[in-house]
Amino acid sequence: MQKNFLKILKITAYAGLIAASVFSILSGMKEKKKKDDKARMLLIARQIDAQIRNTNRKTSPRYHEKNQAKYDELWGNNESSCN
């Protein structure tokens, strides 16, 4: 009876160790995924910020004046030629 009890204790101990290692691995993977998701979200935020800054730059009056000067240089400022 004592041998059976020791076998049951050993099996329980091994099962506990295996379960603990599996939970440790899974929690480590969850933490890694969380870090990867955070890095991905920061990258997306930077890209959106860059797009907003680029759009603001392109819609600024200074940018418009610069492009208007290029347009006038290429096509001339003769509005009657469009009609």
PDB file of N, CA and C in Angstrom:
ATOM      1  N   MET A   1       0.815  -1.188   0.000  1.00  0.00           N
ATOM      2  CA  MET A   1       0.000   0.000   0.000  1.00  0.00           C
ATOM      3  C   MET A   1       0.870   1.269   0.000  1.00  0.00           C
ATOM      4  N   GLN A   2       1.964   1.233   0.738  1.00  0.00           N
ATOM      5  CA  GLN A   2       2.848   2.391   0.786  1.00  0.00           C
ATOM      6  C   GLN A   2       3.525   2.589  -0.565  1.00  0.00           C
ATOM      7  N   LYS A   3       3.848   1.492  -1.292  1.00  0.00           N
ATOM      8  CA  LYS A   3       4.461   1.611  -2.623  1.00  0.00           C
ATOM      9  C   LYS A   3       3.491   2.277  -3.586  1.00  0.00           C
ATOM     10  N   ASN A   4       2.232   1.894  -3.521  1.00  0.00           N
ATOM     11  CA  ASN A   4       1.234   2.518  -4.401  1.00  0.00           C
ATOM     12  C   ASN A   4       1.087   4.005  -4.088  1.00  0.00           C
ATOM     13  N   PHE A   5       1.115   4.323  -2.815  1.00  0.00           N
ATOM     14  CA  PHE A   5       1.001   5.718  -2.408  1.00  0.00           C
ATOM     15  C   PHE A   5       2.193   6.537  -2.912  1.00  0.00           C
ATOM     16  N   LEU A   6       3.406   5.970  -2.847  1.00  0.00           N
ATOM     17  CA  LEU A   6       4.601   6.660  -3.352  1.00  0.00           C
ATOM     18  C   LEU A   6       4.539   6.826  -4.861  1.00  0.00           C
ATOM     19  N   LYS A   7       4.039   5.810  -5.569  1.00  0.00           N
ATOM     20  CA  LYS A   7       3.899   5.912  -7.029  1.00  0.00           C
ATOM     21  C   LYS A   7       2.922   7.030  -7.379  1.00  0.00           C
ATOM     22  N   ILE A   8       1.820   7.097  -6.648  1.00  0.00           N
ATOM     23  CA  ILE A   8       0.835   8.149  -6.907  1.00  0.00           C
ATOM     24  C   ILE A   8       1.439   9.527  -6.631  1.00  0.00           C
ATOM     25  N   LEU A   9       2.206   9.634  -5.575  1.00  0.00           N
ATOM     26  CA  LEU A   9       2.863  10.921  -5.265  1.00  0.00           C
ATOM     27  C   LEU A   9       3.866  11.307  -6.337  1.00  0.00           C
ATOM     28  N   LYS A  10       4.649  10.339  -6.825  1.00  0.00           N
ATOM     29  CA  LYS A  10       5.628  10.625  -7.883  1.00  0.00           C
ATOM     30  C   LYS A  10       4.915  11.063  -9.158  1.00  0.00           C
ATOM     31  N   ILE A  11       3.872  10.351  -9.523  1.00  0.00           N
ATOM     32  CA  ILE A  11       3.129  10.705 -10.749  1.00  0.00           C
ATOM     33  C   ILE A  11       2.525  12.096 -10.600  1.00  0.00           C
ATOM     34  N   THR A  12       1.983  12.390  -9.440  1.00  0.00           N
ATOM     35  CA  THR A  12       1.402  13.716  -9.191  1.00  0.00           C
ATOM     36  C   THR A  12       2.480  14.796  -9.256  1.00  0.00           C
ATOM     37  N   ALA A  13       3.645  14.527  -8.701  1.00  0.00           N
ATOM     38  CA  ALA A  13       4.745  15.502  -8.730  1.00  0.00           C
ATOM     39  C   ALA A  13       5.210  15.746 -10.161  1.00  0.00           C
ATOM     40  N   TYR A  14       5.374  14.685 -10.947  1.00  0.00           N
ATOM     41  CA  TYR A  14       5.787  14.847 -12.342  1.00  0.00           C
ATOM     42  C   TYR A  14       4.726  15.596 -13.147  1.00  0.00           C
ATOM     43  N   ALA A  15       3.473  15.254 -12.921  1.00  0.00           N
ATOM     44  CA  ALA A  15       2.392  15.953 -13.631  1.00  0.00           C
ATOM     45  C   ALA A  15       2.374  17.427 -13.250  1.00  0.00           C
ATOM     46  N   GLY A  16       2.616  17.719 -11.986  1.00  0.00           N
ATOM     47  CA  GLY A  16       2.671  19.114 -11.537  1.00  0.00           C
ATOM     48  C   GLY A  16       3.819  19.874 -12.177  1.00  0.00           C
ATOM     49  N   LEU A  17       4.987  19.230 -12.273  1.00  0.00           N
ATOM     50  CA  LEU A  17       6.140  19.883 -12.917  1.00  0.00           C
ATOM     51  C   LEU A  17       5.865  20.149 -14.396  1.00  0.00           C
ATOM     52  N   ILE A  18       5.285  19.164 -15.055  1.00  0.00           N
ATOM     53  CA  ILE A  18       4.982  19.328 -16.484  1.00  0.00           C
ATOM     54  C   ILE A  18       3.955  20.438 -16.678  1.00  0.00           C
ATOM     55  N   ALA A  19       2.919  20.445 -15.835  1.00  0.00           N
ATOM     56  CA  ALA A  19       1.897  21.492 -15.944  1.00  0.00           C
ATOM     57  C   ALA A  19       2.499  22.866 -15.685  1.00  0.00           C
ATOM     58  N   ALA A  20       3.355  22.973 -14.700  1.00  0.00           N
ATOM     59  CA  ALA A  20       3.986  24.257 -14.387  1.00  0.00           C
ATOM     60  C   ALA A  20       4.859  24.732 -15.545  1.00  0.00           C
ATOM     61  N   SER A  21       5.594  23.827 -16.162  1.00  0.00           N
ATOM     62  CA  SER A  21       6.441  24.227 -17.293  1.00  0.00           C
ATOM     63  C   SER A  21       5.599  24.653 -18.488  1.00  0.00           C
ATOM     64  N   VAL A  22       4.482  23.946 -18.724  1.00  0.00           N
ATOM     65  CA  VAL A  22       3.597  24.334 -19.834  1.00  0.00           C
ATOM     66  C   VAL A  22       3.011  25.720 -19.576  1.00  0.00           C
ATOM     67  N   PHE A  23       2.542  25.971 -18.363  1.00  0.00           N
ATOM     68  CA  PHE A  23       1.997  27.289 -18.035  1.00  0.00           C
ATOM     69  C   PHE A  23       3.062  28.374 -18.150  1.00  0.00           C
ATOM     70  N   SER A  24       4.279  28.062 -17.770  1.00  0.00           N
ATOM     71  CA  SER A  24       5.367  29.027 -17.879  1.00  0.00           C
ATOM     72  C   SER A  24       5.644  29.371 -19.342  1.00  0.00           C
ATOM     73  N   ILE A  25       5.680  28.358 -20.177  1.00  0.00           N
ATOM     74  CA  ILE A  25       5.924  28.580 -21.611  1.00  0.00           C
ATOM     75  C   ILE A  25       4.794  29.403 -22.218  1.00  0.00           C
ATOM     76  N   LEU A  26       3.555  29.047 -21.879  1.00  0.00           N
ATOM     77  CA  LEU A  26       2.420  29.776 -22.437  1.00  0.00           C
ATOM     78  C   LEU A  26       2.391  31.229 -21.978  1.00  0.00           C
ATOM     79  N   SER A  27       2.695  31.473 -20.720  1.00  0.00           N
ATOM     80  CA  SER A  27       2.710  32.861 -20.238  1.00  0.00           C
ATOM     81  C   SER A  27       3.849  33.645 -20.874  1.00  0.00           C
ATOM     82  N   GLY A  28       4.983  32.992 -21.107  1.00  0.00           N
ATOM     83  CA  GLY A  28       6.096  33.653 -21.796  1.00  0.00           C
ATOM     84  C   GLY A  28       5.726  34.021 -23.219  1.00  0.00           C
ATOM     85  N   MET A  29       5.002  33.128 -23.892  1.00  0.00           N
ATOM     86  CA  MET A  29       4.563  33.419 -25.255  1.00  0.00           C
ATOM     87  C   MET A  29       3.554  34.561 -25.259  1.00  0.00           C
ATOM     88  N   LYS A  30       2.698  34.599 -24.247  1.00  0.00           N
ATOM     89  CA  LYS A  30       1.709  35.669 -24.151  1.00  0.00           C
ATOM     90  C   LYS A  30       2.396  37.011 -23.942  1.00  0.00           C
ATOM     91  N   GLU A  31       3.410  37.055 -23.092  1.00  0.00           N
ATOM     92  CA  GLU A  31       4.161  38.293 -22.860  1.00  0.00           C
ATOM     93  C   GLU A  31       4.883  38.740 -24.133  1.00  0.00           C
ATOM     94  N   LYS A  32       5.456  37.793 -24.860  1.00  0.00           N
ATOM     95  CA  LYS A  32       6.156  38.128 -26.105  1.00  0.00           C
ATOM     96  C   LYS A  32       5.179  38.693 -27.119  1.00  0.00           C
ATOM     97  N   LYS A  33       4.001  38.087 -27.216  1.00  0.00           N
ATOM     98  CA  LYS A  33       2.981  38.577 -28.141  1.00  0.00           C
ATOM     99  C   LYS A  33       2.543  39.978 -27.748  1.00  0.00           C
ATOM    100  N   LYS A  34       2.417  40.228 -26.452  1.00  0.00           N
ATOM    101  CA  LYS A  34       2.008  41.544 -25.976  1.00  0.00           C
ATOM    102  C   LYS A  34       3.054  42.594 -26.360  1.00  0.00           C
ATOM    103  N   LYS A  35       4.345  42.249 -26.214  1.00  0.00           N
ATOM    104  CA  LYS A  35       5.414  43.179 -26.581  1.00  0.00           C
ATOM    105  C   LYS A  35       5.424  43.420 -28.087  1.00  0.00           C
ATOM    106  N   ASP A  36       5.237  42.339 -28.875  1.00  0.00           N
ATOM    107  CA  ASP A  36       5.201  42.485 -30.326  1.00  0.00           C
ATOM    108  C   ASP A  36       4.018  43.343 -30.769  1.00  0.00           C
ATOM    109  N   ASP A  37       2.864  43.135 -30.135  1.00  0.00           N
ATOM    110  CA  ASP A  37       1.694  43.942 -30.468  1.00  0.00           C
ATOM    111  C   ASP A  37       1.924  45.408 -30.134  1.00  0.00           C
ATOM    112  N   LYS A  38       2.568  45.662 -29.001  1.00  0.00           N
ATOM    113  CA  LYS A  38       2.854  47.045 -28.604  1.00  0.00           C
ATOM    114  C   LYS A  38       3.796  47.700 -29.609  1.00  0.00           C
ATOM    115  N   ALA A  39       4.824  46.975 -30.023  1.00  0.00           N
ATOM    116  CA  ALA A  39       5.770  47.521 -31.004  1.00  0.00           C
ATOM    117  C   ALA A  39       5.065  47.789 -32.332  1.00  0.00           C
ATOM    118  N   ARG A  40       4.191  46.881 -32.724  1.00  0.00           N
ATOM    119  CA  ARG A  40       3.452  47.051 -33.976  1.00  0.00           C
ATOM    120  C   ARG A  40       2.530  48.273 -33.896  1.00  0.00           C
ATOM    121  N   MET A  41       1.873  48.455 -32.767  1.00  0.00           N
ATOM    122  CA  MET A  41       0.986  49.603 -32.608  1.00  0.00           C
ATOM    123  C   MET A  41       1.775  50.918 -32.610  1.00  0.00           C
ATOM    124  N   LEU A  42       2.952  50.919 -32.000  1.00  0.00           N
ATOM    125  CA  LEU A  42       3.788  52.124 -32.027  1.00  0.00           C
ATOM    126  C   LEU A  42       4.229  52.452 -33.447  1.00  0.00           C
ATOM    127  N   LEU A  43       4.557  51.427 -34.225  1.00  0.00           N
ATOM    128  CA  LEU A  43       4.948  51.647 -35.617  1.00  0.00           C
ATOM    129  C   LEU A  43       3.791  52.231 -36.413  1.00  0.00           C
ATOM    130  N   ILE A  44       2.599  51.686 -36.219  1.00  0.00           N
ATOM    131  CA  ILE A  44       1.428  52.198 -36.924  1.00  0.00           C
ATOM    132  C   ILE A  44       1.156  53.645 -36.519  1.00  0.00           C
ATOM    133  N   ALA A  45       1.293  53.939 -35.228  1.00  0.00           N
ATOM    134  CA  ALA A  45       1.081  55.312 -34.757  1.00  0.00           C
ATOM    135  C   ALA A  45       2.096  56.266 -35.377  1.00  0.00           C
ATOM    136  N   ARG A  46       3.347  55.843 -35.481  1.00  0.00           N
ATOM    137  CA  ARG A  46       4.363  56.693 -36.118  1.00  0.00           C
ATOM    138  C   ARG A  46       4.036  56.932 -37.588  1.00  0.00           C
ATOM    139  N   GLN A  47       3.585  55.889 -38.279  1.00  0.00           N
ATOM    140  CA  GLN A  47       3.234  56.038 -39.690  1.00  0.00           C
ATOM    141  C   GLN A  47       2.062  56.992 -39.870  1.00  0.00           C
ATOM    142  N   ILE A  48       1.053  56.871 -39.009  1.00  0.00           N
ATOM    143  CA  ILE A  48      -0.099  57.773 -39.092  1.00  0.00           C
ATOM    144  C   ILE A  48       0.341  59.203 -38.799  1.00  0.00           C
ATOM    145  N   ASP A  49       1.186  59.378 -37.797  1.00  0.00           N
ATOM    146  CA  ASP A  49       1.685  60.704 -37.463  1.00  0.00           C
ATOM    147  C   ASP A  49       2.454  61.304 -38.632  1.00  0.00           C
ATOM    148  N   ALA A  50       3.268  60.486 -39.287  1.00  0.00           N
ATOM    149  CA  ALA A  50       4.035  60.977 -40.444  1.00  0.00           C
ATOM    150  C   ALA A  50       3.095  61.362 -41.587  1.00  0.00           C
ATOM    151  N   GLN A  51       2.049  60.585 -41.794  1.00  0.00           N
ATOM    152  CA  GLN A  51       1.085  60.909 -42.851  1.00  0.00           C
ATOM    153  C   GLN A  51       0.350  62.207 -42.542  1.00  0.00           C
ATOM    154  N   ILE A  52      -0.001  62.404 -41.271  1.00  0.00           N
ATOM    155  CA  ILE A  52      -0.683  63.643 -40.882  1.00  0.00           C
ATOM    156  C   ILE A  52       0.237  64.845 -41.095  1.00  0.00           C
ATOM    157  N   ARG A  53       1.495  64.711 -40.664  1.00  0.00           N
ATOM    158  CA  ARG A  53       2.441  65.815 -40.863  1.00  0.00           C
ATOM    159  C   ARG A  53       2.652  66.097 -42.347  1.00  0.00           C
ATOM    160  N   ASN A  54       2.731  65.042 -43.156  1.00  0.00           N
ATOM    161  CA  ASN A  54       2.922  65.208 -44.596  1.00  0.00           C
ATOM    162  C   ASN A  54       1.706  65.892 -45.219  1.00  0.00           C
ATOM    163  N   THR A  55       0.520  65.491 -44.793  1.00  0.00           N
ATOM    164  CA  THR A  55      -0.697  66.113 -45.313  1.00  0.00           C
ATOM    165  C   THR A  55      -0.764  67.573 -44.897  1.00  0.00           C
ATOM    166  N   ASN A  56      -0.434  67.853 -43.646  1.00  0.00           N
ATOM    167  CA  ASN A  56      -0.435  69.250 -43.192  1.00  0.00           C
ATOM    168  C   ASN A  56       0.572  70.079 -43.969  1.00  0.00           C
ATOM    169  N   ARG A  57       1.712  69.479 -44.258  1.00  0.00           N
ATOM    170  CA  ARG A  57       2.731  70.196 -45.025  1.00  0.00           C
ATOM    171  C   ARG A  57       2.229  70.480 -46.429  1.00  0.00           C
ATOM    172  N   LYS A  58       1.583  69.484 -47.051  1.00  0.00           N
ATOM    173  CA  LYS A  58       1.124  69.658 -48.432  1.00  0.00           C
ATOM    174  C   LYS A  58      -0.048  70.612 -48.551  1.00  0.00           C
ATOM    175  N   THR A  59      -0.797  70.796 -47.491  1.00  0.00           N
ATOM    176  CA  THR A  59      -1.934  71.714 -47.549  1.00  0.00           C
ATOM    177  C   THR A  59      -1.592  73.086 -46.984  1.00  0.00           C
ATOM    178  N   SER A  60      -0.352  73.303 -46.607  1.00  0.00           N
ATOM    179  CA  SER A  60       0.014  74.604 -46.052  1.00  0.00           C
ATOM    180  C   SER A  60       0.081  75.641 -47.168  1.00  0.00           C
ATOM    181  N   PRO A  61      -0.173  76.893 -46.851  1.00  0.00           N
ATOM    182  CA  PRO A  61      -0.112  77.960 -47.869  1.00  0.00           C
ATOM    183  C   PRO A  61       1.273  78.082 -48.504  1.00  0.00           C
ATOM    184  N   ARG A  62       2.316  77.880 -47.716  1.00  0.00           N
ATOM    185  CA  ARG A  62       3.671  77.980 -48.251  1.00  0.00           C
ATOM    186  C   ARG A  62       3.902  76.925 -49.332  1.00  0.00           C
ATOM    187  N   TYR A  63       3.462  75.701 -49.083  1.00  0.00           N
ATOM    188  CA  TYR A  63       3.613  74.627 -50.068  1.00  0.00           C
ATOM    189  C   TYR A  63       2.805  74.962 -51.317  1.00  0.00           C
ATOM    190  N   HIS A  64       1.606  75.493 -51.121  1.00  0.00           N
ATOM    191  CA  HIS A  64       0.766  75.846 -52.265  1.00  0.00           C
ATOM    192  C   HIS A  64       1.418  76.940 -53.107  1.00  0.00           C
ATOM    193  N   GLU A  65       1.991  77.943 -52.441  1.00  0.00           N
ATOM    194  CA  GLU A  65       2.662  79.018 -53.174  1.00  0.00           C
ATOM    195  C   GLU A  65       3.852  78.491 -53.953  1.00  0.00           C
ATOM    196  N   LYS A  66       4.586  77.566 -53.349  1.00  0.00           N
ATOM    197  CA  LYS A  66       5.752  77.000 -54.024  1.00  0.00           C
ATOM    198  C   LYS A  66       5.313  76.219 -55.270  1.00  0.00           C
ATOM    199  N   ASN A  67       4.258  75.422 -55.131  1.00  0.00           N
ATOM    200  CA  ASN A  67       3.775  74.671 -56.280  1.00  0.00           C
ATOM    201  C   ASN A  67       3.163  75.584 -57.331  1.00  0.00           C
ATOM    202  N   GLN A  68       2.509  76.642 -56.895  1.00  0.00           N
ATOM    203  CA  GLN A  68       1.940  77.583 -57.857  1.00  0.00           C
ATOM    204  C   GLN A  68       3.051  78.244 -58.653  1.00  0.00           C
ATOM    205  N   ALA A  69       4.161  78.537 -57.996  1.00  0.00           N
ATOM    206  CA  ALA A  69       5.297  79.132 -58.710  1.00  0.00           C
ATOM    207  C   ALA A  69       5.850  78.150 -59.735  1.00  0.00           C
ATOM    208  N   LYS A  70       5.949  76.877 -59.386  1.00  0.00           N
ATOM    209  CA  LYS A  70       6.412  75.870 -60.346  1.00  0.00           C
ATOM    210  C   LYS A  70       5.446  75.753 -61.515  1.00  0.00           C
ATOM    211  N   TYR A  71       4.148  75.771 -61.222  1.00  0.00           N
ATOM    212  CA  TYR A  71       3.131  75.667 -62.267  1.00  0.00           C
ATOM    213  C   TYR A  71       3.212  76.859 -63.204  1.00  0.00           C
ATOM    214  N   ASP A  72       3.347  78.044 -62.625  1.00  0.00           N
ATOM    215  CA  ASP A  72       3.448  79.251 -63.445  1.00  0.00           C
ATOM    216  C   ASP A  72       4.694  79.213 -64.311  1.00  0.00           C
ATOM    217  N   GLU A  73       5.775  78.686 -63.767  1.00  0.00           N
ATOM    218  CA  GLU A  73       7.020  78.601 -64.530  1.00  0.00           C
ATOM    219  C   GLU A  73       6.879  77.637 -65.705  1.00  0.00           C
ATOM    220  N   LEU A  74       6.196  76.508 -65.456  1.00  0.00           N
ATOM    221  CA  LEU A  74       6.027  75.524 -66.525  1.00  0.00           C
ATOM    222  C   LEU A  74       5.005  75.952 -67.567  1.00  0.00           C
ATOM    223  N   TRP A  75       3.868  76.423 -67.133  1.00  0.00           N
ATOM    224  CA  TRP A  75       2.758  76.668 -68.040  1.00  0.00           C
ATOM    225  C   TRP A  75       2.483  78.143 -68.273  1.00  0.00           C
ATOM    226  N   GLY A  76       3.168  78.973 -67.579  1.00  0.00           N
ATOM    227  CA  GLY A  76       2.946  80.397 -67.728  1.00  0.00           C
ATOM    228  C   GLY A  76       1.730  80.833 -66.928  1.00  0.00           C
ATOM    229  N   ASN A  77       1.604  82.089 -66.734  1.00  0.00           N
ATOM    230  CA  ASN A  77       0.505  82.615 -65.940  1.00  0.00           C
ATOM    231  C   ASN A  77      -0.578  83.180 -66.835  1.00  0.00           C
ATOM    232  N   ASN A  78      -0.691  82.679 -68.043  1.00  0.00           N
ATOM    233  CA  ASN A  78      -1.670  83.155 -69.003  1.00  0.00           C
ATOM    234  C   ASN A  78      -2.960  82.359 -68.842  1.00  0.00           C
ATOM    235  N   GLU A  79      -3.960  82.983 -68.225  1.00  0.00           N
ATOM    236  CA  GLU A  79      -5.206  82.261 -67.949  1.00  0.00           C
ATOM    237  C   GLU A  79      -6.061  82.135 -69.200  1.00  0.00           C
ATOM    238  N   SER A  80      -5.845  82.917 -70.208  1.00  0.00           N
ATOM    239  CA  SER A  80      -6.665  82.845 -71.412  1.00  0.00           C
ATOM    240  C   SER A  80      -6.319  81.626 -72.248  1.00  0.00           C
ATOM    241  N   SER A  81      -5.166  81.017 -72.037  1.00  0.00           N
ATOM    242  CA  SER A  81      -4.795  79.847 -72.815  1.00  0.00           C
ATOM    243  C   SER A  81      -5.574  78.612 -72.401  1.00  0.00           C
ATOM    244  N   CYS A  82      -6.183  78.643 -71.198  1.00  0.00           N
ATOM    245  CA  CYS A  82      -6.985  77.516 -70.732  1.00  0.00           C
ATOM    246  C   CYS A  82      -8.341  77.500 -71.384  1.00  0.00           C
ATOM    247  N   ASN A  83      -8.810  78.657 -71.866  1.00  0.00           N
ATOM    248  CA  ASN A  83     -10.162  78.737 -72.449  1.00  0.00           C
ATOM    249  C   ASN A  83     -10.173  78.422 -73.893  1.00  0.00           C
TER     250      ASN A  83
END
